[in-house]
C-alpha atoms as a PDB file:
ATOM      1  CA  MET A   1    -157.198  -0.473 209.359  1.00  0.00           C
ATOM      2  CA  ALA A   2    -153.593  -0.010 209.086  1.00  0.00           C
ATOM      3  CA  LYS A   3    -151.786  -0.503 205.341  1.00  0.00           C
ATOM      4  CA  THR A   4    -149.551  -3.571 205.056  1.00  0.00           C
ATOM      5  CA  LYS A   5    -146.300  -2.694 204.132  1.00  0.00           C
ATOM      6  CA  LEU A   6    -145.717  -4.452 200.623  1.00  0.00           C
ATOM      7  CA  ASP A   7    -142.108  -5.329 199.275  1.00  0.00           C
ATOM      8  CA  PRO A   8    -141.260  -3.793 195.686  1.00  0.00           C
ATOM      9  CA  GLU A   9    -142.294  -6.925 193.828  1.00  0.00           C
ATOM     10  CA  GLU A  10    -146.058  -7.047 195.581  1.00  0.00           C
ATOM     11  CA  GLN A  11    -146.279  -3.457 195.075  1.00  0.00           C
ATOM     12  CA  GLU A  12    -145.544  -3.947 191.349  1.00  0.00           C
ATOM     13  CA  LEU A  13    -148.218  -6.839 191.432  1.00  0.00           C
ATOM     14  CA  LEU A  14    -150.914  -4.574 192.992  1.00  0.00           C
ATOM     15  CA  GLU A  15    -150.626  -1.682 190.810  1.00  0.00           C
ATOM     16  CA  ALA A  16    -150.766  -4.055 187.706  1.00  0.00           C
ATOM     17  CA  TYR A  17    -153.987  -5.731 189.255  1.00  0.00           C
ATOM     18  CA  GLU A  18    -155.153  -2.385 190.080  1.00  0.00           C
ATOM     19  CA  SER A  19    -154.619  -0.963 186.556  1.00  0.00           C
ATOM     20  CA  GLY A  20    -156.221  -3.747 184.681  1.00  0.00           C
ATOM     21  CA  LYS A  21    -152.804  -4.868 183.306  1.00  0.00           C
ATOM     22  CA  PHE A  22    -152.308  -8.055 185.428  1.00  0.00           C
ATOM     23  CA  GLU A  23    -153.073 -11.198 183.521  1.00  0.00           C
ATOM     24  CA  SER A  24    -153.208 -14.510 185.139  1.00  0.00           C
ATOM     25  CA  ASP A  25    -151.522 -17.784 183.677  1.00  0.00           C
ATOM     26  CA  LEU A  26    -153.815 -20.142 185.390  1.00  0.00           C
ATOM     27  CA  ASP A  27    -155.316 -22.399 182.625  1.00  0.00           C
ATOM     28  CA  ALA A  28    -159.055 -23.762 182.998  1.00  0.00           C
ATOM     29  CA  ASP A  29    -158.036 -27.260 184.146  1.00  0.00           C
ATOM     30  CA  ARG A  30    -155.748 -25.871 187.013  1.00  0.00           C
ATOM     31  CA  ARG A  31    -158.326 -23.292 188.102  1.00  0.00           C
ATOM     32  CA  GLU A  32    -160.754 -26.514 187.948  1.00  0.00           C
ATOM     33  CA  TYR A  33    -158.564 -28.317 190.309  1.00  0.00           C
ATOM     34  CA  LEU A  34    -157.700 -25.237 192.875  1.00  0.00           C
ATOM     35  CA  THR A  35    -161.679 -24.776 192.689  1.00  0.00           C
ATOM     36  CA  LYS A  36    -162.115 -28.493 193.746  1.00  0.00           C
ATOM     37  CA  ALA A  37    -159.327 -28.686 196.393  1.00  0.00           C
ATOM     38  CA  ALA A  38    -160.672 -25.367 198.001  1.00  0.00           C
ATOM     39  CA  GLU A  39    -164.343 -26.836 197.894  1.00  0.00           C
ATOM     40  CA  GLU A  40    -163.177 -30.278 199.610  1.00  0.00           C
ATOM     41  CA  THR A  41    -160.784 -28.654 202.020  1.00  0.00           C
ATOM     42  CA  PHE A  42    -163.508 -26.418 203.325  1.00  0.00           C
ATOM     43  CA  LYS A  43    -166.633 -28.592 203.304  1.00  0.00           C
ATOM     44  CA  LYS A  44    -167.734 -28.918 206.588  1.00  0.00           C
ATOM     45  CA  ASP A  45    -169.981 -32.179 206.717  1.00  0.00           C
ATOM     46  CA  LYS A  46    -169.498 -33.361 210.651  1.00  0.00           C
ATOM     47  CA  ARG A  47    -170.366 -31.742 213.842  1.00  0.00           C
ATOM     48  CA  ILE A  48    -168.308 -32.060 216.994  1.00  0.00           C
ATOM     49  CA  ASN A  49    -169.020 -31.180 220.547  1.00  0.00           C
ATOM     50  CA  ILE A  50    -166.405 -30.618 223.133  1.00  0.00           C
ATOM     51  CA  ARG A  51    -165.914 -29.439 226.492  1.00  0.00           C
ATOM     52  CA  ILE A  52    -163.440 -26.677 227.308  1.00  0.00           C
ATOM     53  CA  SER A  53    -162.717 -24.534 229.952  1.00  0.00           C
ATOM     54  CA  SER A  54    -164.546 -21.214 229.848  1.00  0.00           C
ATOM     55  CA  ARG A  55    -161.000 -19.567 230.202  1.00  0.00           C
ATOM     56  CA  ASP A  56    -159.900 -21.296 226.835  1.00  0.00           C
ATOM     57  CA  LEU A  57    -163.272 -20.464 225.325  1.00  0.00           C
ATOM     58  CA  GLU A  58    -162.676 -16.658 225.968  1.00  0.00           C
ATOM     59  CA  ALA A  59    -159.127 -16.747 224.778  1.00  0.00           C
ATOM     60  CA  LEU A  60    -160.193 -18.623 221.601  1.00  0.00           C
ATOM     61  CA  GLN A  61    -163.191 -15.960 221.015  1.00  0.00           C
ATOM     62  CA  ARG A  62    -160.594 -13.060 221.864  1.00  0.00           C
ATOM     63  CA  ARG A  63    -158.030 -14.407 218.803  1.00  0.00           C
ATOM     64  CA  ALA A  64    -160.801 -15.104 216.668  1.00  0.00           C
ATOM     65  CA  LEU A  65    -161.909 -11.371 217.221  1.00  0.00           C
ATOM     66  CA  GLU A  66    -158.370 -10.199 216.371  1.00  0.00           C
ATOM     67  CA  GLU A  67    -158.305 -12.366 213.298  1.00  0.00           C
ATOM     68  CA  GLY A  68    -161.695 -10.768 211.950  1.00  0.00           C
ATOM     69  CA  LEU A  69    -163.594 -14.339 211.826  1.00  0.00           C
ATOM     70  CA  PRO A  70    -166.024 -16.208 213.895  1.00  0.00           C
ATOM     71  CA  TYR A  71    -164.506 -18.346 216.836  1.00  0.00           C
ATOM     72  CA  GLN A  72    -165.834 -21.910 215.542  1.00  0.00           C
ATOM     73  CA  SER A  73    -163.990 -21.003 211.895  1.00  0.00           C
ATOM     74  CA  LEU A  74    -160.556 -20.500 214.060  1.00  0.00           C
ATOM     75  CA  VAL A  75    -160.724 -23.594 216.165  1.00  0.00           C
ATOM     76  CA  SER A  76    -161.646 -25.605 212.675  1.00  0.00           C
ATOM     77  CA  SER A  77    -158.947 -23.801 210.883  1.00  0.00           C
ATOM     78  CA  VAL A  78    -156.456 -24.865 213.796  1.00  0.00           C
ATOM     79  CA  LEU A  79    -157.810 -28.425 214.163  1.00  0.00           C
ATOM     80  CA  HIS A  80    -157.200 -28.692 210.314  1.00  0.00           C
ATOM     81  CA  LYS A  81    -153.665 -27.404 210.473  1.00  0.00           C
ATOM     82  CA  TYR A  82    -152.812 -29.655 213.115  1.00  0.00           C
ATOM     83  CA  VAL A  83    -154.106 -32.895 211.366  1.00  0.00           C
ATOM     84  CA  SER A  84    -152.715 -31.919 207.990  1.00  0.00           C
ATOM     85  CA  GLY A  85    -148.934 -31.197 209.497  1.00  0.00           C
ATOM     86  CA  GLY A  86    -148.812 -27.596 209.413  1.00  0.00           C
ATOM     87  CA  LEU A  87    -149.239 -26.787 213.081  1.00  0.00           C
ATOM     88  CA  LYS A  88    -146.640 -28.682 215.506  1.00  0.00           C
ATOM     89  CA  ASP A  89    -147.023 -29.870 219.127  1.00  0.00           C
ATOM     90  CA  VAL A  90    -144.005 -28.229 220.422  1.00  0.00           C
ATOM     91  CA  SER A  91    -144.348 -29.753 223.842  1.00  0.00           C
ATOM     92  CA  ALA A  92    -144.289 -33.270 222.575  1.00  0.00           C
ATOM     93  CA  ASN A  93    -140.437 -32.551 221.667  1.00  0.00           C
ATOM     94  CA  LYS A  94    -139.564 -31.141 225.109  1.00  0.00           C
ATOM     95  CA  SER A  95    -139.395 -34.748 226.965  1.00  0.00           C
ATOM     96  CA  GLY A  96    -138.248 -36.391 223.964  1.00  0.00           C
ATOM     97  CA  GLN A  97    -141.810 -38.290 223.528  1.00  0.00           C
ATOM     98  CA  ARG A  98    -145.791 -37.342 222.557  1.00  0.00           C
ATOM     99  CA  THR A  99    -147.713 -36.606 225.292  1.00  0.00           C
ATOM    100  CA  ARG A 100    -151.451 -38.409 224.840  1.00  0.00           C
END
């Protein structure tokens, strides 16, 4: 696996962490809040079934393999990013209208 190029600040943080000198300023309340938010974000309590073309499924599986995660997790992540506003439909702005 290729090593990621770190900027000077990232390299400093990594060295501090690896040497045991890194100290988190995360307090217990903030840690609890972040833990709960992460649990709620990744809780999967509903199942859906969809029909997609075999070509799209194969492309999803390839991309998931490149990312190193199961394809269903990739699909779930993409859907989550879209509905939470982190992923935009670029084709919607081409014609000036949202497509359905």
